[in-house]
Amino acid sequence: MARAASRAEPAEDAPPVDPHAVERAYRRERAKRRARVERARERRRAAIRFFAFLLGLVALSVFLVVTIWNQIQRLFGL
């Protein structure tokens, strides 16, 4: 028949537990979460800036094409 497992008693020479370790761990995890959220926010802002710049370039290109086309028509009488 199997014997019941004996419970290990805490050793007398166990190192002292740091009372602020849990608080530091919470603070570190909150900082990591805040950094992750900030990186996601910056990615979204960068995407918006990119597409706004791209839209500006397309608008400028269309403006130049129309202006050049009008000048060609006026110059050659098309």
N, C-alpha and C. Protein backbone atom coordinates (compact mmCIF):
# COMPACT_ATOMS: atom_id res chain seq x y z
N MET A 1 0.84 -1.17 0.00
CA MET A 1 0.00 0.00 0.00
C MET A 1 0.89 1.24 0.00
N ALA A 2 0.47 2.26 -0.71
CA ALA A 2 1.28 3.47 -0.85
C ALA A 2 1.16 4.32 0.40
N ARG A 3 2.29 4.96 0.72
CA ARG A 3 2.28 5.86 1.88
C ARG A 3 1.92 7.27 1.44
N ALA A 4 1.33 8.01 2.29
CA ALA A 4 0.98 9.41 2.01
C ALA A 4 2.26 10.20 1.90
N ALA A 5 2.27 11.13 0.97
CA ALA A 5 3.46 11.96 0.77
C ALA A 5 3.62 12.89 1.95
N SER A 6 4.85 13.01 2.37
CA SER A 6 5.09 13.90 3.50
C SER A 6 5.21 15.33 2.98
N ARG A 7 4.78 16.25 3.76
CA ARG A 7 4.86 17.67 3.37
C ARG A 7 6.22 18.20 3.74
N ALA A 8 6.76 18.94 2.80
CA ALA A 8 8.08 19.52 3.04
C ALA A 8 7.91 20.77 3.89
N GLU A 9 8.63 20.80 4.95
CA GLU A 9 8.62 21.97 5.83
C GLU A 9 9.56 23.03 5.25
N PRO A 10 9.21 24.29 5.34
CA PRO A 10 10.11 25.33 4.83
C PRO A 10 11.44 25.27 5.57
N ALA A 11 12.48 25.40 4.84
CA ALA A 11 13.81 25.31 5.43
C ALA A 11 14.07 26.55 6.29
N GLU A 12 14.80 26.35 7.33
CA GLU A 12 15.13 27.46 8.23
C GLU A 12 16.08 28.44 7.56
N ASP A 13 16.88 27.94 6.61
CA ASP A 13 17.87 28.79 5.95
C ASP A 13 17.35 29.37 4.64
N ALA A 14 16.04 29.40 4.45
CA ALA A 14 15.48 29.93 3.20
C ALA A 14 15.82 31.42 3.08
N PRO A 15 16.13 31.88 1.86
CA PRO A 15 16.46 33.30 1.68
C PRO A 15 15.22 34.15 1.95
N PRO A 16 15.40 35.35 2.45
CA PRO A 16 14.26 36.22 2.71
C PRO A 16 13.58 36.63 1.41
N VAL A 17 12.26 36.78 1.47
CA VAL A 17 11.48 37.16 0.30
C VAL A 17 11.48 38.68 0.19
N ASP A 18 11.74 39.18 -1.01
CA ASP A 18 11.75 40.62 -1.25
C ASP A 18 10.31 41.13 -1.21
N PRO A 19 9.96 42.00 -0.27
CA PRO A 19 8.57 42.46 -0.17
C PRO A 19 8.15 43.35 -1.34
N HIS A 20 9.08 43.91 -2.09
CA HIS A 20 8.74 44.82 -3.19
C HIS A 20 8.82 44.14 -4.55
N ALA A 21 9.11 42.85 -4.57
CA ALA A 21 9.29 42.14 -5.84
C ALA A 21 7.99 42.12 -6.64
N VAL A 22 6.87 41.88 -5.98
CA VAL A 22 5.59 41.81 -6.69
C VAL A 22 5.24 43.17 -7.26
N GLU A 23 5.45 44.19 -6.48
CA GLU A 23 5.15 45.56 -6.96
C GLU A 23 6.02 45.91 -8.16
N ARG A 24 7.29 45.55 -8.13
CA ARG A 24 8.19 45.82 -9.27
C ARG A 24 7.75 45.04 -10.50
N ALA A 25 7.32 43.79 -10.29
CA ALA A 25 6.87 42.97 -11.42
C ALA A 25 5.62 43.58 -12.05
N TYR A 26 4.67 44.04 -11.23
CA TYR A 26 3.47 44.70 -11.75
C TYR A 26 3.85 45.95 -12.53
N ARG A 27 4.76 46.73 -11.98
CA ARG A 27 5.19 47.97 -12.63
C ARG A 27 5.85 47.67 -13.98
N ARG A 28 6.69 46.63 -14.00
CA ARG A 28 7.38 46.24 -15.24
C ARG A 28 6.37 45.78 -16.29
N GLU A 29 5.39 44.98 -15.89
CA GLU A 29 4.39 44.50 -16.84
C GLU A 29 3.52 45.64 -17.36
N ARG A 30 3.17 46.58 -16.48
CA ARG A 30 2.40 47.75 -16.94
C ARG A 30 3.21 48.57 -17.94
N ALA A 31 4.51 48.72 -17.70
CA ALA A 31 5.38 49.47 -18.62
C ALA A 31 5.47 48.75 -19.96
N LYS A 32 5.58 47.42 -19.94
CA LYS A 32 5.64 46.66 -21.18
C LYS A 32 4.33 46.81 -21.96
N ARG A 33 3.21 46.74 -21.26
CA ARG A 33 1.90 46.88 -21.92
C ARG A 33 1.76 48.28 -22.51
N ARG A 34 2.19 49.29 -21.74
CA ARG A 34 2.11 50.67 -22.21
C ARG A 34 2.99 50.86 -23.45
N ALA A 35 4.18 50.27 -23.46
CA ALA A 35 5.06 50.36 -24.63
C ALA A 35 4.45 49.66 -25.83
N ARG A 36 3.83 48.50 -25.61
CA ARG A 36 3.19 47.77 -26.71
C ARG A 36 2.05 48.58 -27.31
N VAL A 37 1.24 49.21 -26.46
CA VAL A 37 0.14 50.04 -26.94
C VAL A 37 0.68 51.25 -27.69
N GLU A 38 1.72 51.85 -27.17
CA GLU A 38 2.31 53.03 -27.83
C GLU A 38 2.90 52.66 -29.19
N ARG A 39 3.54 51.50 -29.30
CA ARG A 39 4.06 51.06 -30.60
C ARG A 39 2.94 50.86 -31.60
N ALA A 40 1.84 50.27 -31.17
CA ALA A 40 0.70 50.06 -32.07
C ALA A 40 0.12 51.41 -32.50
N ARG A 41 0.04 52.34 -31.57
CA ARG A 41 -0.47 53.68 -31.88
C ARG A 41 0.44 54.38 -32.89
N GLU A 42 1.74 54.26 -32.70
CA GLU A 42 2.70 54.89 -33.63
C GLU A 42 2.63 54.24 -35.00
N ARG A 43 2.41 52.92 -35.06
CA ARG A 43 2.26 52.26 -36.36
C ARG A 43 1.05 52.79 -37.10
N ARG A 44 -0.07 52.97 -36.38
CA ARG A 44 -1.26 53.51 -37.02
C ARG A 44 -1.01 54.93 -37.52
N ARG A 45 -0.35 55.75 -36.71
CA ARG A 45 -0.05 57.12 -37.13
C ARG A 45 0.86 57.13 -38.35
N ALA A 46 1.84 56.24 -38.38
CA ALA A 46 2.75 56.17 -39.52
C ALA A 46 2.00 55.77 -40.79
N ALA A 47 1.06 54.84 -40.66
CA ALA A 47 0.27 54.42 -41.82
C ALA A 47 -0.58 55.58 -42.33
N ILE A 48 -1.17 56.34 -41.41
CA ILE A 48 -1.97 57.49 -41.82
C ILE A 48 -1.10 58.53 -42.51
N ARG A 49 0.09 58.81 -41.95
CA ARG A 49 1.01 59.76 -42.60
C ARG A 49 1.41 59.28 -43.99
N PHE A 50 1.70 57.99 -44.12
CA PHE A 50 2.11 57.45 -45.41
C PHE A 50 1.01 57.64 -46.45
N PHE A 51 -0.23 57.25 -46.10
CA PHE A 51 -1.31 57.35 -47.08
C PHE A 51 -1.68 58.80 -47.37
N ALA A 52 -1.55 59.69 -46.40
CA ALA A 52 -1.79 61.11 -46.66
C ALA A 52 -0.74 61.65 -47.63
N PHE A 53 0.52 61.28 -47.42
CA PHE A 53 1.59 61.71 -48.32
C PHE A 53 1.37 61.13 -49.72
N LEU A 54 0.99 59.86 -49.79
CA LEU A 54 0.73 59.22 -51.08
C LEU A 54 -0.43 59.91 -51.80
N LEU A 55 -1.48 60.24 -51.07
CA LEU A 55 -2.62 60.96 -51.66
C LEU A 55 -2.19 62.33 -52.17
N GLY A 56 -1.33 63.01 -51.41
CA GLY A 56 -0.82 64.31 -51.86
C GLY A 56 -0.01 64.17 -53.14
N LEU A 57 0.83 63.15 -53.21
CA LEU A 57 1.61 62.93 -54.44
C LEU A 57 0.72 62.63 -55.63
N VAL A 58 -0.31 61.83 -55.43
CA VAL A 58 -1.23 61.52 -56.53
C VAL A 58 -1.96 62.78 -56.97
N ALA A 59 -2.42 63.60 -56.02
CA ALA A 59 -3.11 64.85 -56.36
C ALA A 59 -2.17 65.78 -57.13
N LEU A 60 -0.93 65.89 -56.69
CA LEU A 60 0.04 66.74 -57.39
C LEU A 60 0.31 66.21 -58.79
N SER A 61 0.42 64.90 -58.93
CA SER A 61 0.64 64.30 -60.25
C SER A 61 -0.52 64.58 -61.19
N VAL A 62 -1.74 64.42 -60.70
CA VAL A 62 -2.92 64.69 -61.52
C VAL A 62 -2.94 66.16 -61.93
N PHE A 63 -2.65 67.04 -60.99
CA PHE A 63 -2.61 68.48 -61.29
C PHE A 63 -1.58 68.78 -62.38
N LEU A 64 -0.40 68.20 -62.26
CA LEU A 64 0.64 68.44 -63.27
C LEU A 64 0.26 67.86 -64.62
N VAL A 65 -0.33 66.69 -64.66
CA VAL A 65 -0.74 66.08 -65.93
C VAL A 65 -1.79 66.95 -66.61
N VAL A 66 -2.77 67.41 -65.85
CA VAL A 66 -3.82 68.25 -66.43
C VAL A 66 -3.23 69.57 -66.92
N THR A 67 -2.36 70.18 -66.15
CA THR A 67 -1.74 71.45 -66.55
C THR A 67 -0.89 71.27 -67.81
N ILE A 68 -0.08 70.23 -67.83
CA ILE A 68 0.76 69.98 -69.01
C ILE A 68 -0.10 69.67 -70.23
N TRP A 69 -1.16 68.90 -70.05
CA TRP A 69 -2.05 68.58 -71.18
C TRP A 69 -2.69 69.84 -71.73
N ASN A 70 -3.13 70.72 -70.86
CA ASN A 70 -3.73 71.99 -71.31
C ASN A 70 -2.70 72.83 -72.06
N GLN A 71 -1.47 72.88 -71.58
CA GLN A 71 -0.42 73.64 -72.27
C GLN A 71 -0.12 73.04 -73.65
N ILE A 72 -0.09 71.72 -73.74
CA ILE A 72 0.15 71.06 -75.04
C ILE A 72 -0.98 71.38 -76.00
N GLN A 73 -2.21 71.31 -75.51
CA GLN A 73 -3.37 71.62 -76.38
C GLN A 73 -3.31 73.07 -76.85
N ARG A 74 -2.97 73.97 -75.95
CA ARG A 74 -2.90 75.39 -76.33
C ARG A 74 -1.76 75.64 -77.30
N LEU A 75 -0.63 75.00 -77.09
CA LEU A 75 0.56 75.23 -77.91
C LEU A 75 0.38 74.65 -79.33
N PHE A 76 -0.12 73.42 -79.43
CA PHE A 76 -0.23 72.76 -80.73
C PHE A 76 -1.63 72.84 -81.33
N GLY A 77 -2.57 73.40 -80.62
CA GLY A 77 -3.92 73.58 -81.16
C GLY A 77 -4.65 72.27 -81.38
N LEU A 78 -4.51 71.34 -80.43
CA LEU A 78 -5.20 70.05 -80.57
C LEU A 78 -6.63 70.21 -80.21
